[in-house]
Protein backbone atom coordinates (compact mmCIF):
# COMPACT_ATOMS: atom_id res chain seq x y z
CA MET A 1 -36.10 1.92 -3.96
CA GLU A 2 -36.28 1.20 -0.24
CA LEU A 3 -33.68 -1.42 0.39
CA GLY A 4 -31.35 -0.15 3.07
CA ALA A 5 -28.34 2.10 2.63
CA VAL A 6 -27.04 2.07 -0.92
CA SER A 7 -23.24 2.04 -1.02
CA GLY A 8 -22.97 2.00 -4.79
CA ALA A 9 -25.16 1.75 -7.88
CA ARG A 10 -24.05 1.93 -11.46
CA ASP A 11 -25.05 0.99 -14.95
CA LEU A 12 -22.78 -1.79 -16.22
CA ARG A 13 -22.09 0.32 -19.29
CA THR A 14 -20.09 2.75 -17.14
CA PRO A 15 -16.82 1.88 -15.36
CA LEU A 16 -16.40 1.31 -11.67
CA PRO A 17 -14.33 3.83 -9.69
CA ASP A 18 -10.59 3.75 -10.18
CA THR A 19 -8.60 0.89 -8.67
CA ALA A 20 -4.89 1.60 -8.35
CA LEU A 21 -2.94 -0.40 -10.93
CA THR A 22 0.73 0.29 -11.56
CA ALA A 23 2.83 -1.32 -14.26
CA GLU A 24 4.75 -3.28 -11.63
CA ARG A 25 1.58 -4.56 -9.98
CA ALA A 26 0.12 -5.58 -13.32
CA ARG A 27 3.27 -7.60 -14.11
CA GLN A 28 3.96 -9.13 -10.73
CA GLY A 29 0.76 -9.01 -8.73
CA PRO A 30 0.66 -9.94 -5.05
CA ARG A 31 2.72 -12.89 -3.85
CA LEU A 32 -0.29 -14.95 -2.79
CA ALA A 33 -2.33 -17.01 -5.24
CA PRO A 34 -5.72 -15.41 -6.05
CA ARG A 35 -7.61 -18.01 -3.99
CA LYS A 36 -5.51 -17.02 -0.97
CA VAL A 37 -5.74 -13.30 -1.68
CA ILE A 38 -9.54 -13.25 -1.52
CA GLN A 39 -9.41 -15.00 1.84
CA THR A 40 -7.67 -11.93 3.27
CA TYR A 41 -10.45 -9.53 2.27
CA ASP A 42 -12.70 -7.90 4.82
CA PRO A 43 -16.47 -8.10 4.20
CA ASP A 44 -16.64 -4.73 2.44
CA GLU A 45 -13.81 -5.58 0.05
CA TRP A 46 -15.44 -8.95 -0.61
CA GLU A 47 -18.62 -7.18 -1.69
CA GLU A 48 -16.56 -4.85 -3.91
CA PHE A 49 -14.93 -7.90 -5.49
CA ILE A 50 -18.36 -9.43 -6.16
CA GLU A 51 -19.51 -6.18 -7.72
CA GLU A 52 -16.44 -6.19 -10.00
CA TRP A 53 -17.10 -9.82 -10.90
CA ALA A 54 -20.63 -8.89 -11.96
CA HIS A 55 -19.11 -6.98 -14.88
CA SER A 56 -18.26 -10.35 -16.42
CA LEU A 57 -22.00 -11.08 -16.66
CA VAL A 58 -22.77 -8.35 -19.19
CA PRO A 59 -25.08 -8.28 -21.13
CA ARG A 60 -27.22 -10.30 -18.74
CA TYR A 61 -27.84 -7.24 -16.55
CA VAL A 62 -28.66 -3.65 -17.33
CA LYS A 63 -27.51 -2.62 -13.87
CA VAL A 64 -25.70 -4.03 -10.88
CA GLN A 65 -26.35 -2.44 -7.51
CA ARG A 66 -24.49 -3.04 -4.27
CA PHE A 67 -26.16 -2.48 -0.91
CA GLY A 68 -24.31 -1.98 2.35
CA GLY A 69 -24.85 -1.64 6.05
CA SER A 70 -27.11 -3.44 8.44
CA GLY A 71 -30.18 -2.58 6.38
CA ASP A 72 -29.26 -4.51 3.25
CA ARG A 73 -32.05 -7.01 3.98
CA GLY A 74 -30.06 -9.95 2.68
CA VAL A 75 -29.05 -8.42 -0.66
CA ASP A 76 -25.36 -7.61 -0.91
CA VAL A 77 -25.30 -7.26 -4.70
CA ALA A 78 -28.29 -7.34 -7.05
CA GLY A 79 -28.18 -7.92 -10.78
CA PHE A 80 -31.16 -6.27 -12.45
CA ARG A 81 -32.27 -7.69 -15.78
CA THR A 82 -34.53 -4.75 -16.56
CA GLU A 83 -34.77 -1.09 -15.62
CA ARG A 84 -37.62 -2.00 -13.24
CA GLY A 85 -35.14 -3.29 -10.66
CA PHE A 86 -36.69 -5.33 -7.84
CA GLU A 87 -40.11 -5.14 -9.47
CA ALA A 88 -39.04 -7.39 -12.35
CA GLU A 89 -36.49 -10.17 -12.87
CA TRP A 90 -33.39 -9.83 -10.75
CA ASP A 91 -30.67 -12.02 -9.28
CA CYS A 92 -29.30 -11.88 -5.75
CA PHE A 93 -25.63 -12.39 -4.89
CA GLN A 94 -25.05 -12.81 -1.19
CA GLY A 95 -21.42 -12.51 -0.15
CA LYS A 96 -20.46 -14.21 3.09
CA HIS A 97 -16.82 -13.83 4.09
CA TYR A 98 -15.99 -16.21 6.91
CA ASP A 99 -12.89 -18.15 7.90
CA LYS A 100 -14.83 -21.39 7.35
CA SER A 101 -17.17 -22.91 4.80
CA LEU A 102 -20.83 -21.92 4.94
CA THR A 103 -23.19 -24.07 6.97
CA PRO A 104 -27.02 -24.33 6.99
CA SER A 105 -27.15 -22.29 10.20
CA ILE A 106 -25.49 -19.40 8.32
CA ALA A 107 -27.76 -19.84 5.29
CA TRP A 108 -31.18 -20.02 7.00
CA PRO A 109 -31.31 -16.38 8.22
CA GLU A 110 -30.18 -15.15 4.79
CA ILE A 111 -32.85 -17.18 2.99
CA LEU A 112 -35.43 -15.85 5.43
CA LYS A 113 -34.43 -12.25 4.64
CA VAL A 114 -35.04 -12.67 0.92
CA PHE A 115 -38.52 -14.09 1.56
CA LEU A 116 -39.32 -11.22 3.88
CA LEU A 117 -38.69 -8.73 1.05
CA PRO A 118 -41.95 -9.40 -0.86
CA VAL A 119 -43.81 -10.35 2.32
CA ARG A 120 -43.21 -6.92 3.86
CA ASN A 121 -43.35 -4.93 0.62
CA ALA A 122 -45.39 -6.21 -2.30
CA ARG A 123 -43.39 -4.12 -4.76
CA TYR A 124 -40.47 -6.52 -4.42
CA ARG A 125 -40.27 -9.83 -6.27
CA LEU A 126 -38.34 -12.84 -5.17
CA PRO A 127 -35.09 -13.06 -7.12
CA SER A 128 -34.93 -15.37 -10.12
CA THR A 129 -31.73 -16.82 -8.65
CA TYR A 130 -30.03 -16.45 -5.29
CA SER A 131 -26.34 -17.30 -5.08
CA PHE A 132 -24.16 -17.59 -2.00
CA ILE A 133 -20.61 -16.44 -2.69
CA ALA A 134 -17.98 -17.30 -0.09
CA PRO A 135 -14.18 -17.54 -0.38
CA ARG A 136 -14.19 -20.95 1.29
CA GLY A 137 -17.33 -22.15 -0.44
CA LEU A 138 -20.16 -24.22 0.99
CA GLY A 139 -19.72 -26.83 3.65
CA THR A 140 -20.66 -30.40 2.78
CA ARG A 141 -24.04 -30.29 4.52
CA LEU A 142 -25.15 -27.01 2.86
CA ALA A 143 -23.78 -28.10 -0.51
CA HIS A 144 -25.95 -31.24 -0.38
CA LEU A 145 -29.02 -29.20 0.58
CA ILE A 146 -28.44 -26.72 -2.25
CA SER A 147 -28.13 -29.66 -4.64
CA THR A 148 -31.47 -31.12 -3.49
CA PRO A 149 -33.91 -28.18 -3.68
CA SER A 150 -36.91 -30.07 -2.31
CA GLN A 151 -35.00 -31.03 0.82
CA LEU A 152 -33.69 -27.47 1.18
CA ARG A 153 -37.29 -26.24 1.11
CA GLU A 154 -38.46 -28.87 3.62
CA GLU A 155 -35.74 -28.00 6.12
CA PHE A 156 -36.31 -24.27 5.69
CA ILE A 157 -40.01 -24.77 6.45
CA GLU A 158 -38.97 -26.75 9.53
CA GLN A 159 -36.97 -23.72 10.65
CA ILE A 160 -40.09 -21.60 10.26
CA ASP A 161 -42.30 -24.05 12.15
CA GLU A 162 -39.86 -24.68 14.99
CA GLY A 163 -38.90 -21.01 15.40
CA ALA A 164 -35.91 -22.02 17.47
CA SER A 165 -33.21 -19.70 16.13
CA LYS A 166 -33.31 -15.95 16.72
CA PRO A 167 -34.51 -14.58 13.36
CA PHE A 168 -37.33 -17.15 13.13
CA LYS A 169 -38.23 -16.74 16.79
CA GLU A 170 -38.67 -12.99 16.30
CA LEU A 171 -41.17 -13.32 13.44
CA ASP A 172 -44.69 -12.11 14.14
CA GLU A 173 -47.40 -14.61 13.29
CA GLN A 174 -48.56 -12.77 10.18
CA SER A 175 -45.04 -12.68 8.71
CA ARG A 176 -44.40 -16.30 9.72
CA SER A 177 -47.55 -17.47 7.97
CA ALA A 178 -46.84 -15.43 4.83
CA VAL A 179 -43.22 -16.61 4.58
CA ARG A 180 -44.29 -20.21 5.04
CA ALA A 181 -46.98 -19.98 2.35
CA MET A 182 -44.54 -18.41 -0.08
CA ALA A 183 -41.84 -20.98 0.69
CA VAL A 184 -44.25 -23.87 0.08
CA SER A 185 -45.01 -22.58 -3.42
CA THR A 186 -41.45 -21.60 -4.33
CA ASP A 187 -39.05 -23.69 -6.38
CA PHE A 188 -35.93 -23.78 -4.20
CA SER A 189 -33.72 -24.53 -7.18
CA MET A 190 -33.39 -20.72 -7.30
CA PHE A 191 -30.79 -21.10 -4.52
CA GLY A 192 -27.24 -21.92 -5.45
CA SER A 193 -23.64 -20.81 -5.10
CA ILE A 194 -20.82 -19.48 -7.23
CA GLU A 195 -17.71 -21.58 -6.77
CA VAL A 196 -14.41 -19.81 -6.19
CA LEU A 197 -12.70 -21.10 -9.33
CA THR A 198 -15.62 -19.98 -11.49
CA LEU A 199 -15.68 -16.63 -9.73
CA LEU A 200 -11.97 -16.03 -10.34
CA ASP A 201 -12.11 -17.25 -13.91
CA GLN A 202 -14.97 -14.88 -14.75
CA HIS A 203 -13.40 -12.01 -12.82
CA ALA A 204 -10.37 -12.38 -15.11
CA SER A 205 -12.45 -10.98 -17.98
CA THR A 206 -13.10 -7.70 -16.12
CA PRO A 207 -10.89 -4.59 -16.13
CA TYR A 208 -10.16 -5.09 -12.42
CA HIS A 209 -8.41 -8.46 -12.40
CA ALA A 210 -4.81 -7.34 -12.96
CA ALA A 211 -5.12 -4.71 -10.24
CA ARG A 212 -6.04 -7.38 -7.72
CA PHE A 213 -4.00 -10.36 -8.83
CA GLY A 214 -1.34 -9.23 -11.33
CA GLY A 215 -0.33 -11.65 -14.04
CA GLY A 216 0.08 -9.02 -16.75
CA LEU A 217 -2.40 -7.59 -19.20
CA PRO A 218 -4.04 -9.57 -22.02
CA ALA A 219 -2.60 -9.33 -25.51
CA ARG A 220 -3.78 -6.38 -27.56
CA PRO A 221 -5.75 -7.17 -30.71
CA LEU A 222 -4.38 -6.07 -34.06
CA PRO A 223 -5.35 -2.47 -34.94
CA SER A 224 -8.15 -1.92 -37.43
CA ALA A 225 -7.55 -0.27 -40.77
CA VAL A 226 -7.50 3.52 -40.79
CA PRO A 227 -10.66 4.99 -42.41
CA SER A 228 -9.95 6.32 -45.88
CA GLU A 229 -11.89 9.50 -45.15
CA VAL A 230 -11.10 11.82 -42.23
CA LEU A 231 -13.80 11.36 -39.58
CA ALA A 232 -15.58 14.15 -37.77
CA GLU A 233 -13.90 13.21 -34.49
CA GLU A 234 -10.47 13.76 -36.09
CA LEU A 235 -11.03 17.28 -37.35
CA VAL A 236 -9.38 19.20 -34.51
CA TYR A 237 -6.00 17.47 -34.57
CA VAL A 238 -6.12 17.19 -38.38
CA GLN A 239 -6.67 20.95 -38.77
CA LYS A 240 -3.70 21.53 -36.47
CA LEU A 241 -1.62 19.31 -38.75
CA ILE A 242 -2.81 21.22 -41.83
CA ALA A 243 -1.81 24.49 -40.14
CA ALA A 244 1.68 23.09 -39.49
CA TYR A 245 2.02 21.88 -43.09
CA HIS A 246 0.79 25.22 -44.45
CA GLU A 247 3.36 27.11 -42.42
CA ARG A 248 6.18 25.23 -44.16
CA PHE A 249 4.43 24.36 -47.42
CA PRO A 250 2.12 27.30 -48.26
CA ALA A 251 0.40 25.33 -51.03
CA VAL A 252 -1.09 22.98 -48.43
CA GLU A 253 -4.36 24.57 -47.31
CA SER A 254 -6.72 21.62 -46.97
CA ILE A 255 -6.87 17.91 -46.19
CA SER A 256 -6.89 17.04 -49.87
CA ASP A 257 -3.82 19.28 -50.40
CA ALA A 258 -2.00 17.50 -47.59
CA GLU A 259 -2.89 14.04 -48.93
CA ALA A 260 -1.62 14.96 -52.41
CA HIS A 261 1.58 16.71 -51.29
CA ASN A 262 4.86 14.89 -52.04
CA THR A 263 6.28 15.46 -48.54
CA ALA A 264 3.27 16.14 -46.33
CA GLY A 265 1.20 13.29 -47.79
CA ASP A 266 3.13 10.38 -46.28
CA HIS A 267 3.62 12.26 -43.01
CA PHE A 268 -0.12 12.96 -42.78
CA ARG A 269 -1.00 9.30 -43.34
CA ARG A 270 1.44 8.23 -40.64
CA GLN A 271 -0.05 10.66 -38.13
CA ARG A 272 -3.56 9.35 -38.75
CA GLU A 273 -2.30 5.79 -38.29
CA THR A 274 -0.83 6.67 -34.90
CA PHE A 275 -4.01 8.46 -33.85
CA PHE A 276 -6.07 5.35 -34.52
CA ARG A 277 -3.48 3.20 -32.76
CA ALA A 278 -3.96 5.38 -29.68
CA GLU A 279 -7.74 5.11 -30.05
CA ALA A 280 -7.38 1.32 -30.16
CA LEU A 281 -5.29 1.50 -26.99
CA ARG A 282 -8.04 3.57 -25.36
CA ASN A 283 -10.59 0.87 -26.24
CA PHE A 284 -8.27 -1.88 -25.00
CA ALA A 285 -7.82 -0.02 -21.71
CA ARG A 286 -11.59 0.32 -21.27
CA ASP A 287 -11.96 -3.47 -21.27
CA SER A 288 -8.67 -4.49 -19.60
CA VAL A 289 -7.73 -2.07 -16.82
CA PRO A 290 -9.56 0.01 -14.20
CA ALA A 291 -11.28 3.26 -15.12
CA ASN A 292 -9.04 6.29 -15.65
CA THR A 293 -5.92 4.22 -16.35
CA PHE A 294 -5.71 5.40 -19.96
CA GLU A 295 -6.40 8.99 -18.92
CA GLY A 296 -3.53 8.61 -16.44
CA LEU A 297 -1.25 7.57 -19.30
CA GLN A 298 -2.35 10.58 -21.33
CA ASN A 299 -1.60 12.89 -18.41
CA GLU A 300 1.79 11.31 -17.79
CA LEU A 301 2.73 11.69 -21.45
CA TYR A 302 1.46 15.28 -21.50
CA ASP A 303 3.71 16.13 -18.55
CA ALA A 304 6.62 14.57 -20.43
CA VAL A 305 6.14 16.60 -23.63
CA VAL A 306 4.52 19.89 -22.63
CA GLU A 307 7.78 21.77 -22.11
CA THR A 308 9.02 20.64 -25.52
CA ALA A 309 5.77 21.76 -27.12
CA ALA A 310 5.93 25.10 -25.33
CA ALA A 311 9.55 25.84 -26.37
CA VAL A 312 10.52 28.11 -29.29
CA HIS A 313 10.79 26.27 -32.63
CA VAL A 314 11.43 27.41 -36.20
CA ASP A 315 7.89 26.44 -37.19
CA GLY A 316 4.92 24.30 -36.22
CA LEU A 317 6.14 21.22 -38.08
CA GLU A 318 9.39 21.28 -36.13
CA ARG A 319 7.46 21.73 -32.88
CA LEU A 320 5.40 18.66 -33.82
CA ARG A 321 8.48 16.62 -34.76
CA GLN A 322 10.32 17.33 -31.52
CA THR A 323 7.24 16.80 -29.39
CA LEU A 324 6.61 13.39 -30.96
CA GLU A 325 10.27 12.45 -30.50
CA GLN A 326 10.09 13.45 -26.84
CA ALA A 327 6.94 11.35 -26.45
CA VAL A 328 8.69 8.26 -27.79
CA THR A 329 11.83 8.63 -25.66
CA ALA A 330 10.19 9.81 -22.41
CA GLN A 331 10.75 7.50 -19.45
CA LEU A 332 7.28 6.43 -18.41
CA SER A 333 6.94 3.64 -15.88
CA ALA A 334 4.11 4.24 -13.43
CA ASN A 335 1.16 3.32 -15.64
CA SER A 336 0.22 -0.33 -16.21
CA LEU A 337 -0.47 0.28 -19.91
CA ILE A 338 3.23 0.94 -20.54
CA GLU A 339 3.84 -2.79 -20.96
CA VAL A 340 1.54 -2.90 -24.01
CA THR A 341 2.27 0.58 -25.39
CA GLN A 342 4.41 1.01 -28.50
CA PRO A 343 6.08 4.15 -30.00
CA GLY A 344 3.20 4.69 -32.43
CA ASP A 345 0.73 4.72 -29.54
CA ARG A 346 2.71 7.49 -27.85
CA ARG A 347 2.71 9.61 -31.00
CA GLY A 348 -1.01 8.99 -31.38
CA ILE A 349 -1.67 10.09 -27.81
CA CYS A 350 -0.03 13.42 -28.69
CA HIS A 351 -2.60 13.80 -31.46
CA GLN A 352 -5.35 12.88 -29.00
CA LEU A 353 -4.05 15.62 -26.71
CA ALA A 354 -4.10 18.00 -29.68
CA ASN A 355 -7.64 16.87 -30.46
CA ASP A 356 -8.59 17.71 -26.87
CA GLY A 357 -7.05 21.18 -27.10
CA ARG A 358 -4.10 20.44 -24.80
CA LEU A 359 -1.37 20.59 -27.47
CA THR A 360 -0.99 22.68 -30.62
CA TRP A 361 1.71 23.04 -33.25
CA VAL A 362 1.34 26.50 -34.77
CA VAL A 363 1.54 29.12 -32.04
CA ASP A 364 0.30 32.58 -32.93
CA GLU A 365 2.85 35.25 -32.11
CA VAL A 366 1.64 38.03 -29.83
């Protein structure tokens, strides 16, 4: 695509880059109310906020792309409804961060830019919708124009015909004629705005809201039932458990042996329960906090237990027991997920770490 300098482009199915979120910030947030906080943003941060907000619009878009720099051509953030990008249906979100409400004189040059896209390059389509997004909203005059599309079109055409302001004055005659013809045949109800309260309410459903505004994390849903059969994705940590059981109970050589064993059976079921609790926490984190927050919790817990796991123990089962106990009692405070993490989650994270090859219970003697 040829639309200025791209500052960021990502499929909405993948997370945005990490946004710092500590447990304290998630609980307390900044002192200002969210409506006041966004008024302090600079233009770049305002565009980042709009990009985050676009995550609340899934599954409407297959991709959201943010453009930056002077060559953005009037498109701060684009929501693409198909993989064809600007060549098919798309929506334009134009962020304007001023210390006052938006006026028609601010809007006219931006509207002109979006018409110039298809005029100067036939591969681009006009957006299906075009929304102004400003922390102080639209002024009364512009709000009335947006609410009466036919009048908005008439006054925009007047701007073209008069050519008084700089961007219209600088149009060559071919572009002026083409923009005018397109404007005459365009339904100006495509232009609108996203009000601040709606913006903040929808942003609250993204993983980035607590990092910006605090207020705590949403409640975790109840965990799902543990599958009756061991899944393929469990096999690594499960085999490490079987090895630990076998070391103390030689008759235990398989999953079925462990499940049937008088002592190992209940222990094995509890470990699987904690593993799936940790998996549920991972899924919760994906939807509720910035990317890499859960991985940060895993790393913090690993640092808390690795010395215990590496110490000398009578056997693998004792190494497992002491490592899990250390995980539960470790003082963890930096990660925002701590406020919704329970002892079983911590034990389950140890099994995730074992599944990933970072912890093991039976250590071969050299």
